[in-house]
Amino acid sequence: MTLQELEQQLLALSPDEKVQIIQLLAQSLGSNWQGIEKTPRVCGGEARIAKTRIPVWVLLEARHLGYSDADLLISYPSITAKDLANAWVYAKAHPDEIELAIERNEVA
């Protein structure tokens, strides 16, 4: 894909999608992911919602099983819609990391 093709696709996005792209790009420049933490010895060091013990991979796996965002917010009352948005952006940016976490935890 060329930069010109990418530019056309970016301009066609909705305002909300553009915000997510900006957030993804800004966060990818550094290791600081808004609302996502990785701490050794907390949830095995996996990426998780900040100030919780809810790993991103758990939320993504629930989504793959058919849970909606509304279902997840009911099941995890300590998180917000913004937390879920941060989780989805992180998961898109790190698919290999999330898939490996899911595989490791399926075996366990």
Protein backbone atom coordinates (compact mmCIF):
# COMPACT_ATOMS: atom_id res chain seq x y z
CA MET A 1 0.00 0.00 0.00
CA THR A 2 1.31 3.42 -0.87
CA LEU A 3 1.16 6.46 1.38
CA GLN A 4 -1.29 8.07 -1.07
CA GLU A 5 -3.62 5.05 -0.86
CA LEU A 6 -3.40 5.09 2.93
CA GLU A 7 -4.18 8.81 2.98
CA GLN A 8 -7.36 8.23 0.95
CA GLN A 9 -8.47 5.48 3.33
CA LEU A 10 -7.75 7.61 6.40
CA LEU A 11 -9.75 10.53 5.03
CA ALA A 12 -12.72 8.19 4.44
CA LEU A 13 -12.87 7.16 8.12
CA SER A 14 -15.53 8.41 10.51
CA PRO A 15 -14.51 11.00 13.10
CA ASP A 16 -14.49 8.34 15.84
CA GLU A 17 -12.27 6.08 13.74
CA LYS A 18 -9.90 8.98 13.09
CA VAL A 19 -9.61 9.57 16.83
CA GLN A 20 -8.74 5.90 17.33
CA ILE A 21 -6.10 6.10 14.58
CA ILE A 22 -4.56 9.21 16.13
CA GLN A 23 -4.50 7.50 19.52
CA LEU A 24 -2.93 4.37 18.05
CA LEU A 25 -0.24 6.33 16.21
CA ALA A 26 0.60 8.50 19.22
CA GLN A 27 0.83 5.50 21.50
CA SER A 28 2.88 3.48 19.03
CA LEU A 29 5.58 6.15 19.12
CA GLY A 30 6.27 5.26 22.74
CA SER A 31 5.52 2.47 25.15
CA ASN A 32 2.84 4.45 26.99
CA TRP A 33 -0.59 3.06 26.17
CA GLN A 34 -3.37 5.16 27.63
CA GLY A 35 -5.38 3.10 30.08
CA ILE A 36 -3.29 -0.05 29.60
CA GLU A 37 -0.63 -1.26 32.03
CA LYS A 38 1.91 -4.05 32.05
CA THR A 39 3.44 -4.77 35.43
CA PRO A 40 5.68 -7.72 36.28
CA ARG A 41 3.97 -10.13 38.70
CA VAL A 42 0.53 -8.64 38.08
CA CYS A 43 -1.59 -10.83 35.79
CA GLY A 44 1.62 -12.51 34.64
CA GLY A 45 2.88 -9.21 33.23
CA GLU A 46 0.15 -9.27 30.57
CA ALA A 47 -1.35 -6.03 29.22
CA ARG A 48 -4.35 -5.17 31.38
CA ILE A 49 -6.82 -2.39 32.02
CA ALA A 50 -5.04 0.16 34.22
CA LYS A 51 -5.62 -0.22 37.96
CA THR A 52 -7.40 -3.56 37.48
CA ARG A 53 -6.51 -7.20 37.10
CA ILE A 54 -8.43 -7.55 33.85
CA PRO A 55 -6.10 -8.57 31.01
CA VAL A 56 -6.75 -7.29 27.51
CA TRP A 57 -6.64 -10.85 26.18
CA VAL A 58 -9.54 -11.87 28.47
CA LEU A 59 -11.71 -9.09 27.06
CA LEU A 60 -10.75 -9.93 23.48
CA GLU A 61 -11.43 -13.62 24.00
CA ALA A 62 -14.85 -12.79 25.48
CA ARG A 63 -15.55 -10.63 22.43
CA HIS A 64 -14.60 -13.53 20.14
CA LEU A 65 -17.04 -15.72 22.09
CA GLY A 66 -19.85 -13.31 21.27
CA TYR A 67 -19.94 -10.93 24.23
CA SER A 68 -20.83 -7.38 23.27
CA ASP A 69 -19.25 -4.31 24.81
CA ALA A 70 -22.44 -3.87 26.84
CA ASP A 71 -22.13 -7.46 28.13
CA LEU A 72 -18.53 -6.83 29.13
CA LEU A 73 -19.40 -3.60 30.95
CA ILE A 74 -22.04 -5.49 32.92
CA SER A 75 -19.68 -8.39 33.65
CA TYR A 76 -16.83 -6.07 34.65
CA PRO A 77 -18.47 -3.10 36.42
CA SER A 78 -15.10 -1.63 37.37
CA ILE A 79 -14.28 -0.77 33.72
CA THR A 80 -15.70 1.86 31.38
CA ALA A 81 -16.45 2.09 27.68
CA LYS A 82 -13.22 4.09 27.34
CA ASP A 83 -11.31 1.21 28.95
CA LEU A 84 -12.77 -1.15 26.35
CA ALA A 85 -11.86 1.24 23.53
CA ASN A 86 -8.29 1.38 24.86
CA ALA A 87 -8.22 -2.42 25.04
CA TRP A 88 -9.42 -2.80 21.44
CA VAL A 89 -6.84 -0.31 20.16
CA TYR A 90 -4.08 -2.07 22.09
CA ALA A 91 -5.19 -5.49 20.83
CA LYS A 92 -5.20 -4.26 17.21
CA ALA A 93 -1.70 -2.86 17.63
CA HIS A 94 -0.34 -6.02 19.30
CA PRO A 95 -2.19 -8.99 17.75
CA ASP A 96 0.71 -11.43 18.14
CA GLU A 97 1.13 -10.58 21.83
CA ILE A 98 -2.60 -11.02 22.52
CA GLU A 99 -2.85 -14.26 20.54
CA LEU A 100 0.14 -15.68 22.43
CA ALA A 101 -1.48 -14.74 25.75
CA ILE A 102 -4.72 -16.48 24.72
CA GLU A 103 -2.80 -19.60 23.67
CA ARG A 104 -0.79 -19.67 26.91
CA ASN A 105 -3.89 -19.39 29.00
CA GLU A 106 -5.82 -22.04 27.04
CA VAL A 107 -3.11 -24.54 27.95
CA ALA A 108 -3.07 -23.54 31.63
